[in-house]
Structure formats: C-alpha cells, structure tokens
Protein backbone atom coordinates (compact mmCIF):
# COMPACT_ATOMS: atom_id res chain seq x y z
CA MET A 1 110.94 -11.18 -199.36
CA THR A 2 113.43 -13.80 -200.15
CA GLU A 3 112.93 -17.43 -200.00
CA ALA A 4 115.95 -17.78 -197.57
CA SER A 5 114.63 -16.01 -194.85
CA SER A 6 110.93 -16.06 -195.63
CA TYR A 7 110.43 -12.82 -193.97
CA ARG A 8 108.20 -9.99 -195.22
CA PRO A 9 109.95 -6.86 -196.52
CA ARG A 10 109.88 -3.69 -194.64
CA ASN A 11 106.76 -1.47 -194.91
CA PRO A 12 106.80 0.66 -198.07
CA GLY A 13 106.31 4.29 -197.57
CA HIS A 14 107.21 4.23 -193.91
CA ASP A 15 109.70 6.93 -192.78
CA TYR A 16 112.46 5.08 -191.44
CA TYR A 17 114.50 8.15 -190.62
CA GLY A 18 111.84 9.62 -188.18
CA ARG A 19 110.85 8.48 -184.69
CA GLY A 20 109.31 5.22 -184.26
CA VAL A 21 109.56 1.95 -182.17
CA TYR A 22 110.19 -1.28 -184.25
CA LEU A 23 110.34 -4.94 -183.28
CA VAL A 24 113.08 -6.28 -185.57
CA THR A 25 113.94 -9.92 -186.43
CA LEU A 26 117.10 -11.17 -187.78
CA VAL A 27 117.46 -14.87 -188.96
CA VAL A 28 121.00 -16.77 -188.89
CA SER A 29 122.24 -17.66 -192.11
CA GLY A 30 121.05 -21.28 -192.98
CA ARG A 31 119.11 -21.26 -189.74
CA ARG A 32 122.13 -22.40 -188.07
CA PRO A 33 121.42 -22.67 -184.02
CA LEU A 34 124.41 -20.58 -183.20
CA LEU A 35 123.27 -18.18 -180.54
CA SER A 36 121.85 -20.30 -177.78
CA GLN A 37 120.24 -23.67 -176.71
CA LEU A 38 116.98 -24.22 -175.27
CA VAL A 39 116.74 -26.28 -172.05
CA SER A 40 113.58 -28.31 -171.27
CA PRO A 41 112.34 -27.46 -167.81
CA PRO A 42 108.67 -28.36 -166.77
CA LEU A 43 106.21 -26.59 -168.87
CA ALA A 44 105.34 -23.08 -167.66
CA THR A 45 101.81 -21.30 -167.62
CA LYS A 46 103.23 -17.81 -167.55
CA PRO A 47 105.78 -16.08 -169.84
CA LEU A 48 109.41 -16.57 -169.06
CA GLN A 49 112.21 -14.11 -169.52
CA SER A 50 115.28 -16.09 -170.80
CA GLY A 51 115.03 -18.87 -168.32
CA PRO A 52 114.95 -21.70 -170.88
CA LEU A 53 117.84 -20.16 -172.90
CA VAL A 54 121.59 -20.91 -172.42
CA LEU A 55 123.57 -18.28 -174.71
CA THR A 56 126.65 -19.38 -176.35
CA PRO A 57 129.62 -17.22 -176.63
CA LEU A 58 128.37 -15.95 -179.77
CA GLY A 59 124.84 -15.09 -178.34
CA GLU A 60 126.44 -13.28 -175.60
CA ALA A 61 128.36 -11.07 -177.99
CA VAL A 62 125.04 -10.49 -180.12
CA HIS A 63 123.38 -9.56 -176.83
CA GLN A 64 126.12 -7.26 -175.76
CA ALA A 65 126.17 -5.75 -179.34
CA TRP A 66 122.42 -4.97 -179.13
CA LEU A 67 122.88 -3.23 -175.77
CA GLN A 68 125.92 -1.01 -176.95
CA THR A 69 123.83 0.10 -180.20
CA PRO A 70 122.68 3.18 -178.42
CA ALA A 71 126.20 4.29 -177.32
CA LEU A 72 127.63 3.55 -180.75
CA GLN A 73 124.99 5.27 -182.61
CA ALA A 74 125.09 8.43 -180.46
CA LYS A 75 128.66 8.90 -181.83
CA HIS A 76 127.11 9.44 -185.44
CA GLY A 77 124.37 11.72 -184.00
CA ASN A 78 121.59 9.16 -183.96
CA HIS A 79 119.58 8.92 -180.80
CA VAL A 80 117.96 5.46 -180.26
CA ALA A 81 117.17 3.02 -177.42
CA VAL A 82 116.88 -0.62 -177.06
CA HIS A 83 114.10 -2.05 -174.83
CA ALA A 84 114.16 -5.82 -175.02
CA CYS A 85 116.24 -8.45 -176.98
CA ILE A 86 116.29 -12.30 -176.94
CA CYS A 87 118.82 -14.65 -178.91
CA MET A 88 116.87 -17.80 -179.87
CA PRO A 89 119.05 -20.47 -181.23
CA ASP A 90 118.56 -19.46 -184.96
CA HIS A 91 117.17 -16.12 -184.90
CA PHE A 92 117.31 -12.70 -182.91
CA HIS A 93 114.31 -10.36 -181.88
CA GLY A 94 114.92 -6.92 -180.60
CA VAL A 95 112.76 -3.83 -179.97
CA ILE A 96 114.42 -0.49 -180.90
CA GLU A 97 113.14 3.05 -180.58
CA VAL A 98 114.27 5.95 -182.75
CA LYS A 99 114.05 8.96 -180.43
CA GLU A 100 114.76 11.76 -182.71
CA PRO A 101 114.72 12.21 -186.70
CA MET A 102 117.90 10.79 -187.99
CA SER A 103 120.16 11.30 -191.09
CA TRP A 104 120.75 7.46 -190.99
CA SER A 105 117.72 5.14 -191.76
CA LEU A 106 116.90 2.46 -189.31
CA GLY A 107 118.34 -0.16 -192.16
CA THR A 108 121.70 1.46 -191.80
CA ILE A 109 121.61 0.97 -188.06
CA ILE A 110 120.46 -2.72 -188.37
CA GLN A 111 123.32 -3.25 -191.05
CA SER A 112 125.77 -1.85 -188.59
CA PHE A 113 124.61 -4.08 -185.87
CA LYS A 114 124.61 -7.02 -188.10
CA SER A 115 128.37 -6.24 -189.27
CA ALA A 116 129.27 -6.05 -185.60
CA CYS A 117 127.78 -9.55 -184.90
CA THR A 118 129.48 -10.88 -188.08
CA SER A 119 132.96 -9.47 -187.09
CA ARG A 120 132.44 -11.21 -183.60
CA LEU A 121 131.53 -14.56 -185.41
CA HIS A 122 134.76 -14.37 -187.49
CA GLU A 123 136.82 -13.47 -184.55
CA LEU A 124 135.45 -16.56 -182.52
CA GLN A 125 136.35 -18.59 -185.28
CA GLY A 126 139.83 -17.28 -185.66
CA LEU A 127 139.30 -15.58 -188.93
CA PRO A 128 140.24 -11.90 -189.76
CA ASN A 129 137.51 -9.34 -189.73
CA ALA A 130 135.37 -9.77 -192.83
CA SER A 131 135.56 -6.06 -193.42
CA TYR A 132 139.25 -6.07 -194.28
CA ARG A 133 140.07 -9.71 -195.34
CA PRO A 134 141.43 -9.16 -198.90
CA LEU A 135 139.34 -11.04 -201.42
CA MET A 136 142.55 -12.38 -202.73
CA VAL A 137 143.11 -14.79 -199.99
CA ASP A 138 139.98 -16.49 -200.97
CA CYS A 139 140.87 -16.69 -204.67
CA GLN A 140 143.41 -19.50 -204.44
CA ASN A 141 140.65 -22.01 -205.27
CA PRO A 142 140.78 -23.19 -209.06
CA ASN A 143 137.14 -22.93 -209.30
CA THR A 144 137.04 -19.24 -208.42
CA PRO A 145 134.86 -17.48 -210.89
CA SER A 146 136.67 -15.03 -213.24
CA TRP A 147 134.54 -12.12 -212.21
CA LEU A 148 135.88 -12.48 -208.70
CA ARG A 149 139.44 -12.83 -209.72
CA GLU A 150 139.04 -9.56 -211.37
CA LYS A 151 137.43 -7.66 -208.71
CA ALA A 152 140.09 -9.22 -206.32
CA ALA A 153 142.97 -8.05 -208.33
CA HIS A 154 141.37 -4.42 -208.88
CA HIS A 155 140.62 -3.89 -205.20
CA HIS A 156 143.62 -5.87 -203.83
CA THR A 157 144.99 -2.94 -201.77
CA GLU A 158 141.72 -1.87 -200.45
CA GLY A 159 140.69 -4.67 -198.21
CA SER A 160 137.93 -6.83 -199.14
CA LEU A 161 135.36 -4.53 -200.50
CA LEU A 162 132.62 -7.20 -200.06
CA SER A 163 130.31 -3.96 -200.12
CA VAL A 164 131.03 -3.70 -203.87
CA LEU A 165 129.54 -6.97 -204.60
CA SER A 166 125.93 -7.45 -205.46
CA LYS A 167 123.74 -9.60 -203.43
CA LYS A 168 124.15 -12.57 -206.07
CA GLN A 169 127.83 -12.18 -206.26
CA ARG A 170 128.20 -12.15 -202.44
CA GLN A 171 126.14 -15.59 -202.50
CA GLU A 172 128.35 -16.87 -205.03
CA TYR A 173 131.53 -15.78 -203.25
CA TYR A 174 130.34 -17.25 -199.79
CA ALA A 175 129.56 -20.54 -201.56
CA MET A 176 132.97 -20.71 -202.75
CA ALA A 177 134.80 -19.33 -199.78
CA GLY A 178 133.05 -21.46 -197.17
CA GLN A 179 130.16 -21.03 -194.87
CA GLN A 180 132.33 -20.21 -192.02
CA LYS A 181 133.17 -16.89 -193.79
CA SER A 182 129.62 -15.81 -194.42
CA PRO A 183 127.74 -13.15 -192.61
CA LEU A 184 126.09 -14.23 -189.13
CA PHE A 185 122.58 -13.04 -190.27
CA ASP A 186 120.55 -13.31 -193.59
CA ASP A 187 120.55 -10.19 -195.79
CA ASN A 188 116.94 -9.39 -195.15
CA TYR A 189 115.39 -8.66 -191.87
CA ASP A 190 111.97 -8.01 -190.72
CA ASP A 191 110.50 -5.21 -188.66
CA THR A 192 107.01 -4.51 -187.23
CA VAL A 193 106.21 -0.76 -186.78
CA CYS A 194 104.76 0.01 -183.28
CA LEU A 195 101.25 1.54 -183.51
CA ASP A 196 100.97 2.81 -179.90
CA GLU A 197 102.01 2.34 -176.32
CA ARG A 198 99.80 -0.77 -175.88
CA HIS A 199 101.43 -2.40 -179.00
CA ARG A 200 104.87 -1.49 -177.80
CA GLU A 201 104.27 -3.32 -174.55
CA ALA A 202 103.03 -6.27 -176.50
CA MET A 203 106.14 -6.19 -178.57
CA ILE A 204 108.29 -6.23 -175.49
CA ALA A 205 106.29 -9.27 -173.95
CA TYR A 206 106.49 -11.10 -177.21
CA VAL A 207 110.34 -11.02 -177.13
CA HIS A 208 110.43 -12.21 -173.63
CA ASP A 209 108.00 -14.94 -174.34
CA ASN A 210 109.72 -16.34 -177.09
CA PRO A 211 111.67 -19.42 -175.42
CA ARG A 212 108.48 -20.38 -173.58
CA ARG A 213 106.65 -20.71 -177.00
CA ALA A 214 109.58 -22.49 -178.55
CA LEU A 215 109.74 -25.08 -175.75
CA LEU A 216 105.86 -25.57 -176.15
CA ARG A 217 106.22 -26.25 -179.95
CA ARG A 218 109.07 -28.58 -179.06
CA MET A 219 107.23 -30.56 -176.19
CA LEU A 220 103.88 -30.57 -177.63
CA PRO A 221 104.52 -31.34 -181.63
CA ASP A 222 100.92 -32.95 -182.27
CA VAL A 223 99.09 -29.84 -181.26
CA MET A 224 101.66 -27.26 -182.14
CA ARG A 225 102.39 -28.65 -185.84
CA ARG A 226 102.90 -26.01 -188.68
CA SER A 227 102.42 -27.24 -191.91
CA LEU A 228 102.96 -25.47 -195.09
CA HIS A 229 100.62 -27.57 -197.42
CA VAL A 230 98.06 -29.70 -196.17
CA THR A 231 95.48 -31.03 -198.56
CA ILE A 232 91.99 -31.08 -197.15
CA GLY A 233 89.36 -32.32 -199.67
CA ASN A 234 90.45 -30.74 -203.08
CA ARG A 235 92.03 -27.48 -201.51
CA SER A 236 95.48 -26.75 -200.17
CA TYR A 237 95.96 -24.95 -196.77
CA GLY A 238 98.77 -23.71 -194.56
CA THR A 239 98.00 -25.05 -190.96
CA PHE A 240 98.91 -24.54 -187.58
CA GLY A 241 97.67 -26.19 -184.51
CA ASN A 242 95.68 -29.58 -183.74
CA LEU A 243 94.89 -31.40 -187.08
CA PHE A 244 93.12 -34.01 -185.22
CA LEU A 245 90.15 -31.53 -184.94
CA LEU A 246 89.46 -32.14 -188.54
CA ARG A 247 88.52 -35.83 -187.71
CA TRP A 248 85.60 -34.97 -185.21
CA ALA A 249 82.45 -36.04 -186.77
CA ASN A 250 80.31 -32.82 -185.57
CA LYS A 251 81.65 -29.61 -186.95
CA VAL A 252 79.28 -26.78 -186.66
CA GLN A 253 79.73 -23.44 -188.80
CA VAL A 254 79.34 -20.27 -187.19
CA GLN A 255 78.23 -17.52 -189.80
CA CYS A 256 76.58 -14.32 -189.00
CA HIS A 257 75.30 -11.09 -190.91
CA ARG A 258 76.98 -7.81 -189.85
CA ARG A 259 73.43 -6.49 -189.60
CA HIS A 260 69.96 -7.90 -189.27
CA PRO A 261 68.69 -8.25 -192.90
CA ALA A 262 65.34 -6.69 -192.06
CA THR A 263 65.97 -4.22 -189.19
CA GLY A 264 69.61 -3.25 -189.88
CA GLU A 265 70.54 -3.36 -186.21
CA PRO A 266 73.94 -4.97 -185.32
CA TYR A 267 73.13 -8.92 -185.83
CA GLU A 268 74.81 -9.81 -182.46
CA SER A 269 72.16 -7.62 -180.67
CA THR A 270 69.26 -9.78 -182.12
CA ALA A 271 67.12 -12.24 -180.68
CA GLU A 272 67.98 -14.37 -183.67
CA TYR A 273 71.83 -14.28 -182.62
CA THR A 274 70.96 -15.14 -179.05
CA HIS A 275 68.96 -18.27 -180.17
CA GLN A 276 71.92 -19.15 -182.44
CA HIS A 277 74.42 -18.60 -179.68
CA THR A 278 72.28 -20.94 -177.10
CA HIS A 279 72.48 -23.57 -180.03
CA TRP A 280 76.11 -23.36 -180.66
CA LEU A 281 77.07 -23.42 -176.85
CA ALA A 282 74.83 -26.28 -176.28
CA ALA A 283 76.45 -28.10 -179.09
CA ILE A 284 79.84 -27.37 -177.82
CA LEU A 285 79.14 -28.43 -174.07
CA GLY A 286 77.48 -31.48 -175.54
CA GLY A 287 81.02 -32.75 -176.65
CA GLN A 288 82.59 -33.87 -179.89
CA THR A 289 81.56 -30.56 -181.53
CA VAL A 290 84.18 -28.26 -183.38
CA ILE A 291 83.07 -24.59 -184.13
CA VAL A 292 84.28 -23.64 -187.57
CA THR A 293 84.46 -20.06 -188.62
CA PRO A 294 86.71 -17.37 -190.10
CA GLY A 295 85.45 -14.82 -187.32
CA ILE A 296 84.74 -11.97 -189.67
CA SER A 297 81.49 -10.50 -188.62
CA ARG A 298 80.97 -9.23 -184.84
CA GLY A 299 78.80 -12.15 -184.08
CA GLU A 300 81.43 -14.66 -185.50
CA GLN A 301 84.20 -12.87 -183.65
CA MET A 302 82.17 -13.19 -180.32
CA ILE A 303 81.86 -16.90 -180.55
CA LYS A 304 85.59 -17.23 -181.92
CA ASN A 305 86.75 -15.39 -178.77
CA GLU A 306 84.42 -17.32 -176.56
CA CYS A 307 86.10 -20.67 -177.65
CA ILE A 308 89.61 -19.30 -177.48
CA GLU A 309 89.05 -17.87 -173.91
CA ASN A 310 87.44 -21.14 -172.54
CA GLY A 311 89.21 -23.79 -174.54
CA TYR A 312 86.36 -24.83 -176.67
CA PRO A 313 87.46 -26.75 -180.02
CA LEU A 314 87.74 -24.36 -182.85
CA ILE A 315 88.70 -24.30 -186.44
CA HIS A 316 89.49 -20.70 -187.25
CA LEU A 317 89.96 -19.64 -190.94
CA GLN A 318 92.02 -16.79 -191.87
CA LYS A 319 93.10 -15.11 -195.16
CA GLU A 320 96.49 -14.32 -194.04
CA PRO A 321 99.14 -17.00 -195.44
CA ILE A 322 101.04 -19.50 -193.04
CA GLY A 323 104.54 -19.19 -194.03
CA PRO A 324 107.78 -21.25 -192.88
CA TYR A 325 108.22 -19.04 -189.58
CA TRP A 326 104.59 -17.79 -189.08
CA LYS A 327 103.28 -18.01 -185.59
CA PRO A 328 99.95 -16.86 -184.28
CA GLU A 329 99.67 -14.15 -181.59
CA LEU A 330 99.60 -14.97 -177.93
CA ARG A 331 96.02 -15.75 -177.32
CA ARG A 332 95.74 -18.21 -180.25
CA PHE A 333 99.13 -19.88 -179.61
CA GLU A 334 98.13 -20.63 -176.01
CA ALA A 335 94.81 -22.24 -177.55
CA CYS A 336 96.87 -24.29 -179.75
CA ALA A 337 99.04 -25.40 -176.93
CA ASN A 338 95.95 -26.59 -175.21
CA GLY A 339 94.97 -28.58 -178.25
CA SER A 340 91.76 -26.75 -178.61
CA LEU A 341 92.57 -24.87 -181.78
CA LEU A 342 93.43 -25.49 -185.49
CA ILE A 343 94.24 -22.45 -187.73
CA LEU A 344 93.70 -22.88 -191.52
CA ALA A 345 95.11 -20.45 -194.23
CA PRO A 346 93.86 -21.57 -197.69
CA TRP A 347 96.38 -20.96 -200.33
CA ASN A 348 95.20 -19.34 -203.77
CA LEU A 349 92.14 -17.78 -201.84
CA ASP A 350 92.07 -15.12 -204.57
CA GLU A 351 91.51 -17.61 -207.12
CA MET A 352 88.13 -18.79 -205.70
CA GLY A 353 86.36 -16.04 -207.88
CA ASN A 354 84.54 -12.92 -207.16
CA VAL A 355 81.42 -12.77 -205.21
CA ALA A 356 78.34 -10.75 -206.36
CA GLY A 357 80.66 -9.15 -209.13
CA VAL A 358 83.19 -7.84 -206.46
CA PRO A 359 86.80 -8.82 -207.34
CA SER A 360 88.26 -11.90 -205.81
CA ASP A 361 91.21 -9.82 -204.20
CA SER A 362 88.82 -7.62 -202.17
CA ASP A 363 88.15 -8.47 -198.64
CA TYR A 364 84.30 -8.66 -199.37
CA SER A 365 84.81 -11.70 -201.70
CA ARG A 366 87.59 -13.13 -199.45
CA PHE A 367 85.53 -13.26 -196.50
CA HIS A 368 82.48 -14.63 -198.48
CA ASN A 369 84.95 -17.25 -199.89
CA LEU A 370 86.42 -18.20 -196.40
CA ASN A 371 82.89 -18.72 -195.30
CA THR A 372 82.47 -21.09 -198.36
CA LEU A 373 85.54 -23.00 -197.19
CA ALA A 374 84.17 -23.05 -193.70
CA THR A 375 81.17 -24.97 -195.30
CA GLU A 376 83.27 -27.50 -196.91
CA ILE A 377 85.52 -28.11 -193.72
CA CYS A 378 82.11 -29.02 -191.96
CA THR A 379 81.28 -31.60 -194.28
CA PHE A 380 84.91 -33.04 -194.83
CA SER A 381 85.20 -36.60 -193.31
CA GLY A 382 88.46 -37.75 -195.02
CA GLU A 383 92.09 -37.61 -193.98
CA ALA A 384 93.91 -34.41 -194.47
CA LYS A 385 97.33 -35.23 -196.32
CA ILE A 386 100.39 -33.27 -195.10
CA ILE A 387 102.31 -32.40 -198.24
CA LYS A 388 104.92 -30.27 -196.64
CA GLN A 389 105.89 -29.45 -192.99
C-alpha cells in the first residue's frame, strides 16, 4: 500500500485468475476532482443512485469504459460482467465478476480499463495517446534526467514505451513532463473479495450509496469528521464521528465476559447480564450518558448494536486503524450522521504490551487492551487535541 493512494494491497494468496466477484476502487492521481461534481439537495434518508452527482465528460467516458469492459475482454477470451459503478469526484468504485477461469489476472483487466481511461483523459486534453507518444517529445526540457534521454534515444522508433519504466522512473518522468500527461488513476487500486451473495448485494448497495454518504460528510462536518491523529490523554487515536461525545461528563464502560466465570454459560444469558443491562439502559435513558465499549464479547456486541439501532450515544473502540480514506460500514456511518457515535482506533495498539503472557499482537491481548483504553476514555475529562485531519 502506497502513501499516495493509502489503499491496502490486494489479498495475498487469492486466485485472481479464477471465478470471483470484487469491489474495485481506483483513486484519481493527486485526488483531483475530475470525474464528477456533487450537488447538494436536501438530505436523503434512503440511499440514492447517482442523483447528487453530475458527471464530467471524463466521468462519462470512464463510466462508458467500465460498461464496455465485458465486450472488450470477451475478445481476449475473458468472461467478466460488471454489476455497478460510480464515478465520485476523485475516485471510482465498480463491482466486477469473473465468470470463468481466465488466462489474464484481474489486475491485468483493471490495468486495461485504467489505460483506456487515461487515453480518454489525454484525448480530452488534446494530447496524443500516452501509449504511443514518443518519450523524445518530452525530453526537450534542459532538466531532463540523463537516464530518460538515454531511454528515449534507444526507443525512439517504438513509441513511448512507458511500460519499460519502473514505477519510480514513471513518477520522475511525470513530474518533469507535467501532471496533464500523467495517468488518470494512481498505480495501485483496492479490491474487496466477495464472500457470498449477501456480500455481493452489500457491495452493490455501497457503490450506489456513495454520493449520499459524501453529501452527508460535506453537510454534517462536525459529526462526520475523520481525524487521523487525535491525542486523548497520553494516547493517539484515529477517529471518525462526533468528538463532542468525549466531553460528556458521564461515560459508562460496558465490559462483559464471554462466559460466566462460575457456570461457564454464555454471559449474555445470565441474570448478572440482565441486571447490568437494566443499569446501562437506565443510565442512557437518564440522559448525559455515553456508552464506551469495543464491542468484543457477545454481551458487549448486543449493547453496542442496541445503541446504534436506537441512536443512543456510543463511543466504539476498534482495533482496525483509521486511514485517510477509511469509512465505516453503513450502520455505523448512519449513526455518525445522527451525531450519536464516535469511533476510536488507537495507534500503536500492539505496543501496549502482552496480557497474561499472550503476545501483544494477538487478538486476546488486543481485545483486553482495548478494554483498558475504554476505561481510560471513561475517566478522560480534558480536551482532545486534533493533530492531523
């Protein structure tokens, strides 16, 4: 994963030549808003298709290139289908299905799509196709590095041959030649592998719902804020949601065993849990109470879900980091939009140390350490300091 796109690498060990369904995300180089514009209608309570989006001519071309992918790939013997796509201002989401095992990998197909989009970008700018533009035309600058002059001279009869350049060399070339000659999308892309039919439907719904989510973040900045580094006490967190919840005076931690220490039965089935749940609910309904939990055990998950479903104030700690483009899934996203949720992801969780001799990078220690952090959050009474948005 590069810092430029901040998206995770593709899944190691997965067979990208075989059948499968994928949610693919491509980021426009430099996060330039080239594909569309968001309009701002009244807030919608249900997912929208593409109503809030107005595609640019380039966005229209990218959309068409995606729809044409199955027909173009069929010419090479690759049987794929596309199920959804959305051109956000500075990134693209699409769901693609590989229907039969291929001689090409998914990565090769996505690269073909990206190249077609870049060609259309250059065409709209009045530039020759990047695949065939000789490197020599960009070597008139006196600051052209010697290695590029040598490659241009050696391959002057064979088109640009950008493919023979390493990633670092391409970056140096584009920096010298100008951004308008760079590819439309970042080198890397993100793919999420579909697990089952329900997951596939969720992927498609996520693609269609992207414009509405983007509008919510724009129109509700105070409760939809994503911050990469926030100092709370002596620790640093990535956060998403309503930071104001940290200021509430009464914060109640929910921590449950998986099983009752004496009987071994599921803890959420015990009278003790019922008693605790009654106490938690009374505290919430009494006002000015925020539930704090990582939601790990079944009992913790139940109260976490109850808060999300009913709009009760909740601070949820998670072990997954929050990066520049991280977003929560739909249920937690909606809770953030309602102002009732703050998600905290501690940086350097594995440096908190082991628990009961279990390595700190195990889920056992991570979950115990998250509960330790929940205790700290409940006693925190100062001001959170935003270091980096």
